[in-house]
Amino acid sequence: MDKVIETPDAPPAIGPYSQGIQFGNLIITSGQLPIDPETGEMEEETKAQAHQCLKNVKAVLEAAGSSMDKVRKATVFVKDMNDFTDINEVYKQYFTFPFPARSLVEVARLPKDVKVEIEVIATAE
């Protein structure tokens, strides 16, 4: 049976979806936007947005009893591929070797016109 993951430590969904779903040993997060869950605000700078996205991913995983070291696949959506290096600088602060598999895709537009959105697939502890 699927288990809905909800936490006040990540921003609430802005549409008809869950912050995350767990089924069996898999945890799948929705794309996390760079919204501070306490203030509802967003930083403008790309690195700050990447940090907040990953903090939100971490919060959803922890609410499910998992952690960043259990991430097996990450998908990063970016508004501008020129931000690739900045995002990698932040990304490596949250993951260690062996790094999870990852896709990084430039998209035309993201919700709330953010620069970065990140989703992951992880295993339960």
PDB file of N, CA and C in Angstrom:
ATOM      1  N   MET A   1       0.840  -1.182   0.000  1.00  0.00           N
ATOM      2  CA  MET A   1       0.000   0.000   0.000  1.00  0.00           C
ATOM      3  C   MET A   1       0.886   1.248   0.000  1.00  0.00           C
ATOM      4  N   ASP A   2       0.516   2.238  -0.800  1.00  0.00           N
ATOM      5  CA  ASP A   2       1.257   3.490  -0.859  1.00  0.00           C
ATOM      6  C   ASP A   2       1.080   4.283   0.427  1.00  0.00           C
ATOM      7  N   LYS A   3       2.152   4.938   0.830  1.00  0.00           N
ATOM      8  CA  LYS A   3       2.117   5.801   2.010  1.00  0.00           C
ATOM      9  C   LYS A   3       2.437   7.219   1.550  1.00  0.00           C
ATOM     10  N   VAL A   4       1.562   8.149   1.856  1.00  0.00           N
ATOM     11  CA  VAL A   4       1.791   9.551   1.521  1.00  0.00           C
ATOM     12  C   VAL A   4       2.781  10.137   2.516  1.00  0.00           C
ATOM     13  N   ILE A   5       3.751  10.871   1.998  1.00  0.00           N
ATOM     14  CA  ILE A   5       4.736  11.527   2.851  1.00  0.00           C
ATOM     15  C   ILE A   5       4.402  13.011   2.901  1.00  0.00           C
ATOM     16  N   GLU A   6       4.225  13.515   4.104  1.00  0.00           N
ATOM     17  CA  GLU A   6       3.935  14.936   4.298  1.00  0.00           C
ATOM     18  C   GLU A   6       4.772  15.442   5.465  1.00  0.00           C
ATOM     19  N   THR A   7       5.318  16.644   5.295  1.00  0.00           N
ATOM     20  CA  THR A   7       6.069  17.255   6.386  1.00  0.00           C
ATOM     21  C   THR A   7       5.946  18.774   6.308  1.00  0.00           C
ATOM     22  N   PRO A   8       5.838  19.431   7.437  1.00  0.00           N
ATOM     23  CA  PRO A   8       5.838  20.897   7.442  1.00  0.00           C
ATOM     24  C   PRO A   8       7.236  21.469   7.207  1.00  0.00           C
ATOM     25  N   ASP A   9       8.257  20.588   7.179  1.00  0.00           N
ATOM     26  CA  ASP A   9       9.633  21.022   6.984  1.00  0.00           C
ATOM     27  C   ASP A   9      10.006  21.202   5.513  1.00  0.00           C
ATOM     28  N   ALA A  10       9.044  20.963   4.628  1.00  0.00           N
ATOM     29  CA  ALA A  10       9.196  21.238   3.194  1.00  0.00           C
ATOM     30  C   ALA A  10       7.938  21.996   2.775  1.00  0.00           C
ATOM     31  N   PRO A  11       8.025  22.756   1.688  1.00  0.00           N
ATOM     32  CA  PRO A  11       6.846  23.523   1.290  1.00  0.00           C
ATOM     33  C   PRO A  11       5.687  22.603   0.896  1.00  0.00           C
ATOM     34  N   PRO A  12       4.468  23.028   1.171  1.00  0.00           N
ATOM     35  CA  PRO A  12       3.317  22.207   0.776  1.00  0.00           C
ATOM     36  C   PRO A  12       3.200  22.160  -0.747  1.00  0.00           C
ATOM     37  N   ALA A  13       2.539  21.134  -1.216  1.00  0.00           N
ATOM     38  CA  ALA A  13       2.298  21.004  -2.653  1.00  0.00           C
ATOM     39  C   ALA A  13       1.491  22.201  -3.148  1.00  0.00           C
ATOM     40  N   ILE A  14       1.813  22.667  -4.354  1.00  0.00           N
ATOM     41  CA  ILE A  14       1.075  23.797  -4.932  1.00  0.00           C
ATOM     42  C   ILE A  14       0.036  23.317  -5.944  1.00  0.00           C
ATOM     43  N   GLY A  15      -0.204  22.026  -5.953  1.00  0.00           N
ATOM     44  CA  GLY A  15      -1.184  21.432  -6.848  1.00  0.00           C
ATOM     45  C   GLY A  15      -1.669  20.113  -6.269  1.00  0.00           C
ATOM     46  N   PRO A  16      -2.394  19.350  -7.068  1.00  0.00           N
ATOM     47  CA  PRO A  16      -2.934  18.075  -6.584  1.00  0.00           C
ATOM     48  C   PRO A  16      -1.898  16.947  -6.633  1.00  0.00           C
ATOM     49  N   TYR A  17      -0.919  17.032  -5.754  1.00  0.00           N
ATOM     50  CA  TYR A  17       0.108  15.992  -5.659  1.00  0.00           C
ATOM     51  C   TYR A  17       0.631  15.951  -4.228  1.00  0.00           C
ATOM     52  N   SER A  18       1.366  14.885  -3.918  1.00  0.00           N
ATOM     53  CA  SER A  18       1.952  14.700  -2.594  1.00  0.00           C
ATOM     54  C   SER A  18       3.404  15.153  -2.606  1.00  0.00           C
ATOM     55  N   GLN A  19       3.923  15.528  -1.450  1.00  0.00           N
ATOM     56  CA  GLN A  19       5.346  15.854  -1.343  1.00  0.00           C
ATOM     57  C   GLN A  19       6.181  14.627  -1.690  1.00  0.00           C
ATOM     58  N   GLY A  20       5.667  13.482  -1.354  1.00  0.00           N
ATOM     59  CA  GLY A  20       6.345  12.232  -1.664  1.00  0.00           C
ATOM     60  C   GLY A  20       5.416  11.055  -1.447  1.00  0.00           C
ATOM     61  N   ILE A  21       5.817   9.931  -2.014  1.00  0.00           N
ATOM     62  CA  ILE A  21       5.072   8.681  -1.860  1.00  0.00           C
ATOM     63  C   ILE A  21       6.079   7.584  -1.560  1.00  0.00           C
ATOM     64  N   GLN A  22       5.730   6.716  -0.628  1.00  0.00           N
ATOM     65  CA  GLN A  22       6.533   5.535  -0.368  1.00  0.00           C
ATOM     66  C   GLN A  22       5.712   4.319  -0.713  1.00  0.00           C
ATOM     67  N   PHE A  23       6.297   3.428  -1.484  1.00  0.00           N
ATOM     68  CA  PHE A  23       5.674   2.126  -1.688  1.00  0.00           C
ATOM     69  C   PHE A  23       6.774   1.078  -1.596  1.00  0.00           C
ATOM     70  N   GLY A  24       6.523   0.143  -0.699  1.00  0.00           N
ATOM     71  CA  GLY A  24       7.561  -0.834  -0.417  1.00  0.00           C
ATOM     72  C   GLY A  24       8.789  -0.126   0.130  1.00  0.00           C
ATOM     73  N   ASN A  25       9.927  -0.443  -0.451  1.00  0.00           N
ATOM     74  CA  ASN A  25      11.191   0.131  -0.006  1.00  0.00           C
ATOM     75  C   ASN A  25      11.561   1.398  -0.780  1.00  0.00           C
ATOM     76  N   LEU A  26      10.714   1.831  -1.717  1.00  0.00           N
ATOM     77  CA  LEU A  26      11.024   3.006  -2.535  1.00  0.00           C
ATOM     78  C   LEU A  26      10.317   4.253  -2.034  1.00  0.00           C
ATOM     79  N   ILE A  27      11.048   5.344  -2.072  1.00  0.00           N
ATOM     80  CA  ILE A  27      10.501   6.659  -1.751  1.00  0.00           C
ATOM     81  C   ILE A  27      10.723   7.538  -2.971  1.00  0.00           C
ATOM     82  N   ILE A  28       9.653   8.133  -3.451  1.00  0.00           N
ATOM     83  CA  ILE A  28       9.743   9.024  -4.602  1.00  0.00           C
ATOM     84  C   ILE A  28       9.238  10.393  -4.171  1.00  0.00           C
ATOM     85  N   THR A  29      10.095  11.388  -4.316  1.00  0.00           N
ATOM     86  CA  THR A  29       9.656  12.739  -3.967  1.00  0.00           C
ATOM     87  C   THR A  29       9.105  13.428  -5.195  1.00  0.00           C
ATOM     88  N   SER A  30       8.201  14.340  -4.972  1.00  0.00           N
ATOM     89  CA  SER A  30       7.802  15.259  -6.033  1.00  0.00           C
ATOM     90  C   SER A  30       8.936  16.247  -6.227  1.00  0.00           C
ATOM     91  N   GLY A  31       8.925  16.949  -7.331  1.00  0.00           N
ATOM     92  CA  GLY A  31       9.925  17.974  -7.557  1.00  0.00           C
ATOM     93  C   GLY A  31       9.831  19.015  -6.451  1.00  0.00           C
ATOM     94  N   GLN A  32      10.941  19.287  -5.806  1.00  0.00           N
ATOM     95  CA  GLN A  32      10.970  20.256  -4.718  1.00  0.00           C
ATOM     96  C   GLN A  32      11.468  21.595  -5.244  1.00  0.00           C
ATOM     97  N   LEU A  33      10.661  22.600  -5.011  1.00  0.00           N
ATOM     98  CA  LEU A  33      10.996  23.960  -5.424  1.00  0.00           C
ATOM     99  C   LEU A  33      11.835  24.633  -4.331  1.00  0.00           C
ATOM    100  N   PRO A  34      12.519  25.716  -4.662  1.00  0.00           N
ATOM    101  CA  PRO A  34      13.378  26.386  -3.684  1.00  0.00           C
ATOM    102  C   PRO A  34      12.627  27.363  -2.782  1.00  0.00           C
ATOM    103  N   ILE A  35      11.536  26.891  -2.216  1.00  0.00           N
ATOM    104  CA  ILE A  35      10.706  27.710  -1.338  1.00  0.00           C
ATOM    105  C   ILE A  35      11.051  27.374   0.113  1.00  0.00           C
ATOM    106  N   ASP A  36      11.341  28.386   0.905  1.00  0.00           N
ATOM    107  CA  ASP A  36      11.590  28.191   2.327  1.00  0.00           C
ATOM    108  C   ASP A  36      10.255  27.848   2.980  1.00  0.00           C
ATOM    109  N   PRO A  37      10.123  26.674   3.597  1.00  0.00           N
ATOM    110  CA  PRO A  37       8.826  26.285   4.160  1.00  0.00           C
ATOM    111  C   PRO A  37       8.374  27.155   5.327  1.00  0.00           C
ATOM    112  N   GLU A  38       9.302  27.823   5.988  1.00  0.00           N
ATOM    113  CA  GLU A  38       8.933  28.671   7.128  1.00  0.00           C
ATOM    114  C   GLU A  38       8.391  30.023   6.683  1.00  0.00           C
ATOM    115  N   THR A  39       8.964  30.570   5.616  1.00  0.00           N
ATOM    116  CA  THR A  39       8.589  31.929   5.194  1.00  0.00           C
ATOM    117  C   THR A  39       7.772  31.970   3.912  1.00  0.00           C
ATOM    118  N   GLY A  40       7.836  30.896   3.114  1.00  0.00           N
ATOM    119  CA  GLY A  40       7.175  30.890   1.814  1.00  0.00           C
ATOM    120  C   GLY A  40       7.919  31.706   0.774  1.00  0.00           C
ATOM    121  N   GLU A  41       9.115  32.165   1.126  1.00  0.00           N
ATOM    122  CA  GLU A  41       9.903  33.018   0.227  1.00  0.00           C
ATOM    123  C   GLU A  41      10.943  32.197  -0.533  1.00  0.00           C
ATOM    124  N   MET A  42      11.486  32.822  -1.600  1.00  0.00           N
ATOM    125  CA  MET A  42      12.538  32.208  -2.396  1.00  0.00           C
ATOM    126  C   MET A  42      13.674  33.191  -2.595  1.00  0.00           C
ATOM    127  N   GLU A  43      14.894  32.668  -2.571  1.00  0.00           N
ATOM    128  CA  GLU A  43      16.062  33.459  -2.933  1.00  0.00           C
ATOM    129  C   GLU A  43      16.116  33.537  -4.460  1.00  0.00           C
ATOM    130  N   GLU A  44      16.784  34.543  -4.986  1.00  0.00           N
ATOM    131  CA  GLU A  44      16.898  34.713  -6.439  1.00  0.00           C
ATOM    132  C   GLU A  44      18.098  33.970  -7.022  1.00  0.00           C
ATOM    133  N   GLU A  45      19.187  33.912  -6.273  1.00  0.00           N
ATOM    134  CA  GLU A  45      20.435  33.376  -6.782  1.00  0.00           C
ATOM    135  C   GLU A  45      20.346  31.857  -6.971  1.00  0.00           C
ATOM    136  N   THR A  46      20.946  31.348  -8.035  1.00  0.00           N
ATOM    137  CA  THR A  46      20.843  29.934  -8.408  1.00  0.00           C
ATOM    138  C   THR A  46      21.360  29.001  -7.330  1.00  0.00           C
ATOM    139  N   LYS A  47      22.537  29.289  -6.770  1.00  0.00           N
ATOM    140  CA  LYS A  47      23.086  28.415  -5.728  1.00  0.00           C
ATOM    141  C   LYS A  47      22.161  28.348  -4.518  1.00  0.00           C
ATOM    142  N   ALA A  48      21.629  29.472  -4.122  1.00  0.00           N
ATOM    143  CA  ALA A  48      20.704  29.501  -2.980  1.00  0.00           C
ATOM    144  C   ALA A  48      19.452  28.680  -3.294  1.00  0.00           C
ATOM    145  N   GLN A  49      18.974  28.772  -4.526  1.00  0.00           N
ATOM    146  CA  GLN A  49      17.808  27.980  -4.908  1.00  0.00           C
ATOM    147  C   GLN A  49      18.123  26.488  -4.878  1.00  0.00           C
ATOM    148  N   ALA A  50      19.294  26.101  -5.373  1.00  0.00           N
ATOM    149  CA  ALA A  50      19.678  24.688  -5.349  1.00  0.00           C
ATOM    150  C   ALA A  50      19.777  24.179  -3.911  1.00  0.00           C
ATOM    151  N   HIS A  51      20.378  24.978  -3.021  1.00  0.00           N
ATOM    152  CA  HIS A  51      20.456  24.600  -1.606  1.00  0.00           C
ATOM    153  C   HIS A  51      19.064  24.365  -1.034  1.00  0.00           C
ATOM    154  N   GLN A  52      18.141  25.291  -1.286  1.00  0.00           N
ATOM    155  CA  GLN A  52      16.806  25.156  -0.696  1.00  0.00           C
ATOM    156  C   GLN A  52      16.072  23.954  -1.265  1.00  0.00           C
ATOM    157  N   CYS A  53      16.218  23.705  -2.554  1.00  0.00           N
ATOM    158  CA  CYS A  53      15.603  22.507  -3.145  1.00  0.00           C
ATOM    159  C   CYS A  53      16.094  21.255  -2.431  1.00  0.00           C
ATOM    160  N   LEU A  54      17.406  21.161  -2.229  1.00  0.00           N
ATOM    161  CA  LEU A  54      17.965  19.976  -1.600  1.00  0.00           C
ATOM    162  C   LEU A  54      17.617  19.888  -0.117  1.00  0.00           C
ATOM    163  N   LYS A  55      17.511  21.017   0.567  1.00  0.00           N
ATOM    164  CA  LYS A  55      17.029  20.996   1.955  1.00  0.00           C
ATOM    165  C   LYS A  55      15.609  20.453   2.003  1.00  0.00           C
ATOM    166  N   ASN A  56      14.789  20.845   1.038  1.00  0.00           N
ATOM    167  CA  ASN A  56      13.405  20.372   1.001  1.00  0.00           C
ATOM    168  C   ASN A  56      13.337  18.883   0.670  1.00  0.00           C
ATOM    169  N   VAL A  57      14.167  18.427  -0.266  1.00  0.00           N
ATOM    170  CA  VAL A  57      14.254  16.997  -0.572  1.00  0.00           C
ATOM    171  C   VAL A  57      14.634  16.231   0.692  1.00  0.00           C
ATOM    172  N   LYS A  58      15.651  16.724   1.384  1.00  0.00           N
ATOM    173  CA  LYS A  58      16.118  16.077   2.615  1.00  0.00           C
ATOM    174  C   LYS A  58      14.989  15.981   3.646  1.00  0.00           C
ATOM    175  N   ALA A  59      14.224  17.042   3.794  1.00  0.00           N
ATOM    176  CA  ALA A  59      13.117  17.046   4.762  1.00  0.00           C
ATOM    177  C   ALA A  59      12.065  16.001   4.414  1.00  0.00           C
ATOM    178  N   VAL A  60      11.736  15.879   3.149  1.00  0.00           N
ATOM    179  CA  VAL A  60      10.746  14.877   2.726  1.00  0.00           C
ATOM    180  C   VAL A  60      11.283  13.475   2.988  1.00  0.00           C
ATOM    181  N   LEU A  61      12.534  13.234   2.641  1.00  0.00           N
ATOM    182  CA  LEU A  61      13.130  11.917   2.887  1.00  0.00           C
ATOM    183  C   LEU A  61      13.151  11.592   4.373  1.00  0.00           C
ATOM    184  N   GLU A  62      13.543  12.555   5.192  1.00  0.00           N
ATOM    185  CA  GLU A  62      13.598  12.315   6.640  1.00  0.00           C
ATOM    186  C   GLU A  62      12.207  12.057   7.211  1.00  0.00           C
ATOM    187  N   ALA A  63      11.195  12.697   6.657  1.00  0.00           N
ATOM    188  CA  ALA A  63       9.820  12.443   7.111  1.00  0.00           C
ATOM    189  C   ALA A  63       9.400  11.009   6.807  1.00  0.00           C
ATOM    190  N   ALA A  64      10.027  10.416   5.803  1.00  0.00           N
ATOM    191  CA  ALA A  64       9.740   9.031   5.440  1.00  0.00           C
ATOM    192  C   ALA A  64      10.674   8.048   6.149  1.00  0.00           C
ATOM    193  N   GLY A  65      11.579   8.579   6.986  1.00  0.00           N
ATOM    194  CA  GLY A  65      12.519   7.716   7.690  1.00  0.00           C
ATOM    195  C   GLY A  65      13.736   7.357   6.859  1.00  0.00           C
ATOM    196  N   SER A  66      14.000   8.113   5.814  1.00  0.00           N
ATOM    197  CA  SER A  66      15.153   7.865   4.955  1.00  0.00           C
ATOM    198  C   SER A  66      16.144   9.025   5.086  1.00  0.00           C
ATOM    199  N   SER A  67      17.086   9.095   4.160  1.00  0.00           N
ATOM    200  CA  SER A  67      18.101  10.140   4.227  1.00  0.00           C
ATOM    201  C   SER A  67      18.734  10.340   2.850  1.00  0.00           C
ATOM    202  N   MET A  68      19.545  11.377   2.748  1.00  0.00           N
ATOM    203  CA  MET A  68      20.183  11.707   1.474  1.00  0.00           C
ATOM    204  C   MET A  68      21.128  10.601   1.015  1.00  0.00           C
ATOM    205  N   ASP A  69      21.720   9.859   1.932  1.00  0.00           N
ATOM    206  CA  ASP A  69      22.633   8.799   1.507  1.00  0.00           C
ATOM    207  C   ASP A  69      21.899   7.577   0.959  1.00  0.00           C
ATOM    208  N   LYS A  70      20.582   7.602   1.016  1.00  0.00           N
ATOM    209  CA  LYS A  70      19.768   6.518   0.445  1.00  0.00           C
ATOM    210  C   LYS A  70      19.197   6.893  -0.925  1.00  0.00           C
ATOM    211  N   VAL A  71      19.558   8.076  -1.429  1.00  0.00           N
ATOM    212  CA  VAL A  71      19.085   8.493  -2.752  1.00  0.00           C
ATOM    213  C   VAL A  71      19.786   7.649  -3.809  1.00  0.00           C
ATOM    214  N   ARG A  72      19.006   7.090  -4.714  1.00  0.00           N
ATOM    215  CA  ARG A  72      19.544   6.257  -5.791  1.00  0.00           C
ATOM    216  C   ARG A  72      19.497   6.964  -7.143  1.00  0.00           C
ATOM    217  N   LYS A  73      18.570   7.924  -7.297  1.00  0.00           N
ATOM    218  CA  LYS A  73      18.413   8.644  -8.566  1.00  0.00           C
ATOM    219  C   LYS A  73      17.905  10.040  -8.266  1.00  0.00           C
ATOM    220  N   ALA A  74      18.496  11.024  -8.900  1.00  0.00           N
ATOM    221  CA  ALA A  74      18.044  12.412  -8.776  1.00  0.00           C
ATOM    222  C   ALA A  74      17.780  12.956 -10.172  1.00  0.00           C
ATOM    223  N   THR A  75      16.784  13.792 -10.260  1.00  0.00           N
ATOM    224  CA  THR A  75      16.513  14.520 -11.498  1.00  0.00           C
ATOM    225  C   THR A  75      16.494  15.996 -11.150  1.00  0.00           C
ATOM    226  N   VAL A  76      17.312  16.757 -11.862  1.00  0.00           N
ATOM    227  CA  VAL A  76      17.437  18.191 -11.640  1.00  0.00           C
ATOM    228  C   VAL A  76      16.929  18.898 -12.889  1.00  0.00           C
ATOM    229  N   PHE A  77      15.978  19.774 -12.692  1.00  0.00           N
ATOM    230  CA  PHE A  77      15.448  20.588 -13.788  1.00  0.00           C
ATOM    231  C   PHE A  77      15.989  21.997 -13.615  1.00  0.00           C
ATOM    232  N   VAL A  78      16.561  22.565 -14.673  1.00  0.00           N
ATOM    233  CA  VAL A  78      17.133  23.906 -14.601  1.00  0.00           C
ATOM    234  C   VAL A  78      16.564  24.777 -15.704  1.00  0.00           C
ATOM    235  N   LYS A  79      16.482  26.042 -15.401  1.00  0.00           N
ATOM    236  CA  LYS A  79      16.013  27.025 -16.370  1.00  0.00           C
ATOM    237  C   LYS A  79      17.103  27.364 -17.376  1.00  0.00           C
ATOM    238  N   ASP A  80      18.380  27.288 -16.935  1.00  0.00           N
ATOM    239  CA  ASP A  80      19.499  27.690 -17.781  1.00  0.00           C
ATOM    240  C   ASP A  80      20.668  26.730 -17.573  1.00  0.00           C
ATOM    241  N   MET A  81      21.055  26.021 -18.616  1.00  0.00           N
ATOM    242  CA  MET A  81      22.149  25.058 -18.525  1.00  0.00           C
ATOM    243  C   MET A  81      23.470  25.730 -18.147  1.00  0.00           C
ATOM    244  N   ASN A  82      23.567  27.025 -18.298  1.00  0.00           N
ATOM    245  CA  ASN A  82      24.764  27.744 -17.869  1.00  0.00           C
ATOM    246  C   ASN A  82      24.941  27.697 -16.352  1.00  0.00           C
ATOM    247  N   ASP A  83      23.902  27.306 -15.618  1.00  0.00           N
ATOM    248  CA  ASP A  83      23.979  27.174 -14.164  1.00  0.00           C
ATOM    249  C   ASP A  83      24.497  25.803 -13.722  1.00  0.00           C
ATOM    250  N   PHE A  84      24.864  24.969 -14.672  1.00  0.00           N
ATOM    251  CA  PHE A  84      25.320  23.598 -14.403  1.00  0.00           C
ATOM    252  C   PHE A  84      26.420  23.553 -13.345  1.00  0.00           C
ATOM    253  N   THR A  85      27.455  24.356 -13.486  1.00  0.00           N
ATOM    254  CA  THR A  85      28.591  24.351 -12.558  1.00  0.00           C
ATOM    255  C   THR A  85      28.164  24.796 -11.167  1.00  0.00           C
ATOM    256  N   ASP A  86      27.368  25.855 -11.076  1.00  0.00           N
ATOM    257  CA  ASP A  86      26.897  26.328  -9.769  1.00  0.00           C
ATOM    258  C   ASP A  86      26.068  25.258  -9.067  1.00  0.00           C
ATOM    259  N   ILE A  87      25.213  24.599  -9.813  1.00  0.00           N
ATOM    260  CA  ILE A  87      24.367  23.559  -9.221  1.00  0.00           C
ATOM    261  C   ILE A  87      25.228  22.388  -8.748  1.00  0.00           C
ATOM    262  N   ASN A  88      26.227  22.011  -9.532  1.00  0.00           N
ATOM    263  CA  ASN A  88      27.120  20.928  -9.118  1.00  0.00           C
ATOM    264  C   ASN A  88      27.854  21.273  -7.825  1.00  0.00           C
ATOM    265  N   GLU A  89      28.269  22.524  -7.665  1.00  0.00           N
ATOM    266  CA  GLU A  89      28.949  22.939  -6.430  1.00  0.00           C
ATOM    267  C   GLU A  89      28.072  22.705  -5.213  1.00  0.00           C
ATOM    268  N   VAL A  90      26.808  23.030  -5.345  1.00  0.00           N
ATOM    269  CA  VAL A  90      25.866  22.824  -4.240  1.00  0.00           C
ATOM    270  C   VAL A  90      25.550  21.342  -4.082  1.00  0.00           C
ATOM    271  N   TYR A  91      25.287  20.677  -5.179  1.00  0.00           N
ATOM    272  CA  TYR A  91      24.888  19.266  -5.182  1.00  0.00           C
ATOM    273  C   TYR A  91      25.891  18.397  -4.426  1.00  0.00           C
ATOM    274  N   LYS A  92      27.186  18.634  -4.647  1.00  0.00           N
ATOM    275  CA  LYS A  92      28.194  17.785  -4.014  1.00  0.00           C
ATOM    276  C   LYS A  92      28.297  18.013  -2.503  1.00  0.00           C
ATOM    277  N   GLN A  93      27.632  19.029  -1.983  1.00  0.00           N
ATOM    278  CA  GLN A  93      27.572  19.234  -0.538  1.00  0.00           C
ATOM    279  C   GLN A  93      26.521  18.334   0.128  1.00  0.00           C
ATOM    280  N   TYR A  94      25.631  17.771  -0.682  1.00  0.00           N
ATOM    281  CA  TYR A  94      24.540  16.945  -0.159  1.00  0.00           C
ATOM    282  C   TYR A  94      24.721  15.458  -0.437  1.00  0.00           C
ATOM    283  N   PHE A  95      25.614  15.121  -1.374  1.00  0.00           N
ATOM    284  CA  PHE A  95      25.811  13.726  -1.758  1.00  0.00           C
ATOM    285  C   PHE A  95      27.296  13.392  -1.731  1.00  0.00           C
ATOM    286  N   THR A  96      27.606  12.139  -1.388  1.00  0.00           N
ATOM    287  CA  THR A  96      28.978  11.669  -1.380  1.00  0.00           C
ATOM    288  C   THR A  96      29.081  10.414  -2.244  1.00  0.00           C
ATOM    289  N   PHE A  97      30.293  10.009  -2.504  1.00  0.00           N
ATOM    290  CA  PHE A  97      30.536   8.814  -3.299  1.00  0.00           C
ATOM    291  C   PHE A  97      30.033   7.586  -2.561  1.00  0.00           C
ATOM    292  N   PRO A  98      29.386   6.661  -3.185  1.00  0.00           N
ATOM    293  CA  PRO A  98      29.011   6.663  -4.598  1.00  0.00           C
ATOM    294  C   PRO A  98      27.798   7.568  -4.831  1.00  0.00           C
ATOM    295  N   PHE A  99      27.954   8.493  -5.740  1.00  0.00           N
ATOM    296  CA  PHE A  99      26.887   9.447  -6.022  1.00  0.00           C
ATOM    297  C   PHE A  99      25.691   8.739  -6.651  1.00  0.00           C
ATOM    298  N   PRO A 100      24.485   9.244  -6.386  1.00  0.00           N
ATOM    299  CA  PRO A 100      23.321   8.641  -7.048  1.00  0.00           C
ATOM    300  C   PRO A 100      23.363   8.923  -8.555  1.00  0.00           C
ATOM    301  N   ALA A 101      22.679   8.095  -9.310  1.00  0.00           N
ATOM    302  CA  ALA A 101      22.498   8.388 -10.730  1.00  0.00           C
ATOM    303  C   ALA A 101      21.768   9.724 -10.825  1.00  0.00           C
ATOM    304  N   ARG A 102      21.988  10.461 -11.918  1.00  0.00           N
ATOM    305  CA  ARG A 102      21.360  11.787 -12.014  1.00  0.00           C
ATOM    306  C   ARG A 102      21.126  12.171 -13.464  1.00  0.00           C
ATOM    307  N   SER A 103      20.028  12.858 -13.665  1.00  0.00           N
ATOM    308  CA  SER A 103      19.771  13.548 -14.920  1.00  0.00           C
ATOM    309  C   SER A 103      19.651  15.022 -14.588  1.00  0.00           C
ATOM    310  N   LEU A 104      20.190  15.883 -15.460  1.00  0.00           N
ATOM    311  CA  LEU A 104      20.042  17.325 -15.304  1.00  0.00           C
ATOM    312  C   LEU A 104      19.545  17.839 -16.647  1.00  0.00           C
ATOM    313  N   VAL A 105      18.367  18.427 -16.635  1.00  0.00           N
ATOM    314  CA  VAL A 105      17.684  18.780 -17.869  1.00  0.00           C
ATOM    315  C   VAL A 105      17.318  20.263 -17.863  1.00  0.00           C
ATOM    316  N   GLU A 106      17.638  20.958 -18.954  1.00  0.00           N
ATOM    317  CA  GLU A 106      17.194  22.338 -19.106  1.00  0.00           C
ATOM    318  C   GLU A 106      15.754  22.321 -19.622  1.00  0.00           C
ATOM    319  N   VAL A 107      14.923  23.144 -19.004  1.00  0.00           N
ATOM    320  CA  VAL A 107      13.514  23.221 -19.389  1.00  0.00           C
ATOM    321  C   VAL A 107      13.144  24.670 -19.707  1.00  0.00           C
ATOM    322  N   ALA A 108      12.077  24.839 -20.438  1.00  0.00           N
ATOM    323  CA  ALA A 108      11.656  26.183 -20.836  1.00  0.00           C
ATOM    324  C   ALA A 108      11.160  27.002 -19.649  1.00  0.00           C
ATOM    325  N   ARG A 109      10.460  26.341 -18.737  1.00  0.00           N
ATOM    326  CA  ARG A 109       9.891  27.076 -17.614  1.00  0.00           C
ATOM    327  C   ARG A 109       9.599  26.114 -16.472  1.00  0.00           C
ATOM    328  N   LEU A 110       9.709  26.620 -15.249  1.00  0.00           N
ATOM    329  CA  LEU A 110       9.409  25.837 -14.055  1.00  0.00           C
ATOM    330  C   LEU A 110       8.332  26.550 -13.243  1.00  0.00           C
ATOM    331  N   PRO A 111       7.622  25.818 -12.379  1.00  0.00           N
ATOM    332  CA  PRO A 111       6.601  26.455 -11.552  1.00  0.00           C
ATOM    333  C   PRO A 111       7.170  27.644 -10.781  1.00  0.00           C
ATOM    334  N   LYS A 112       6.377  28.670 -10.665  1.00  0.00           N
ATOM    335  CA  LYS A 112       6.744  29.899  -9.946  1.00  0.00           C
ATOM    336  C   LYS A 112       7.988  30.571 -10.532  1.00  0.00           C
ATOM    337  N   ASP A 113       8.318  30.200 -11.777  1.00  0.00           N
ATOM    338  CA  ASP A 113       9.470  30.760 -12.490  1.00  0.00           C
ATOM    339  C   ASP A 113      10.783  30.612 -11.720  1.00  0.00           C
ATOM    340  N   VAL A 114      10.921  29.503 -10.987  1.00  0.00           N
ATOM    341  CA  VAL A 114      12.169  29.233 -10.279  1.00  0.00           C
ATOM    342  C   VAL A 114      13.253  28.846 -11.276  1.00  0.00           C
ATOM    343  N   LYS A 115      14.490  28.813 -10.805  1.00  0.00           N
ATOM    344  CA  LYS A 115      15.616  28.441 -11.658  1.00  0.00           C
ATOM    345  C   LYS A 115      15.958  26.956 -11.562  1.00  0.00           C
ATOM    346  N   VAL A 116      15.540  26.314 -10.453  1.00  0.00           N
ATOM    347  CA  VAL A 116      15.905  24.924 -10.183  1.00  0.00           C
ATOM    348  C   VAL A 116      14.739  24.196  -9.522  1.00  0.00           C
ATOM    349  N   GLU A 117      14.573  22.932  -9.884  1.00  0.00           N
ATOM    350  CA  GLU A 117      13.637  22.028  -9.207  1.00  0.00           C
ATOM    351  C   GLU A 117      14.311  20.661  -9.157  1.00  0.00           C
ATOM    352  N   ILE A 118      14.205  19.974  -8.014  1.00  0.00           N
ATOM    353  CA  ILE A 118      14.894  18.689  -7.853  1.00  0.00           C
ATOM    354  C   ILE A 118      13.934  17.656  -7.268  1.00  0.00           C
ATOM    355  N   GLU A 119      13.972  16.451  -7.870  1.00  0.00           N
ATOM    356  CA  GLU A 119      13.212  15.318  -7.352  1.00  0.00           C
ATOM    357  C   GLU A 119      14.153  14.128  -7.226  1.00  0.00           C
ATOM    358  N   VAL A 120      13.828  13.194  -6.322  1.00  0.00           N
ATOM    359  CA  VAL A 120      14.693  12.033  -6.129  1.00  0.00           C
ATOM    360  C   VAL A 120      13.873  10.753  -5.941  1.00  0.00           C
ATOM    361  N   ILE A 121      14.581   9.661  -6.134  1.00  0.00           N
ATOM    362  CA  ILE A 121      14.094   8.334  -5.776  1.00  0.00           C
ATOM    363  C   ILE A 121      15.099   7.790  -4.774  1.00  0.00           C
ATOM    364  N   ALA A 122      14.604   7.329  -3.629  1.00  0.00           N
ATOM    365  CA  ALA A 122      15.473   6.828  -2.568  1.00  0.00           C
ATOM    366  C   ALA A 122      14.918   5.514  -2.034  1.00  0.00           C
ATOM    367  N   THR A 123      15.712   4.862  -1.220  1.00  0.00           N
ATOM    368  CA  THR A 123      15.239   3.665  -0.534  1.00  0.00           C
ATOM    369  C   THR A 123      14.989   4.021   0.925  1.00  0.00           C
ATOM    370  N   ALA A 124      14.129   3.219   1.547  1.00  0.00           N
ATOM    371  CA  ALA A 124      13.845   3.419   2.971  1.00  0.00           C
ATOM    372  C   ALA A 124      15.017   2.881   3.776  1.00  0.00           C
ATOM    373  N   GLU A 125      15.166   3.378   4.983  1.00  0.00           N
ATOM    374  CA  GLU A 125      16.270   2.909   5.861  1.00  0.00           C
ATOM    375  C   GLU A 125      16.001   1.500   6.305  1.00  0.00           C
TER     376      GLU A 125
END
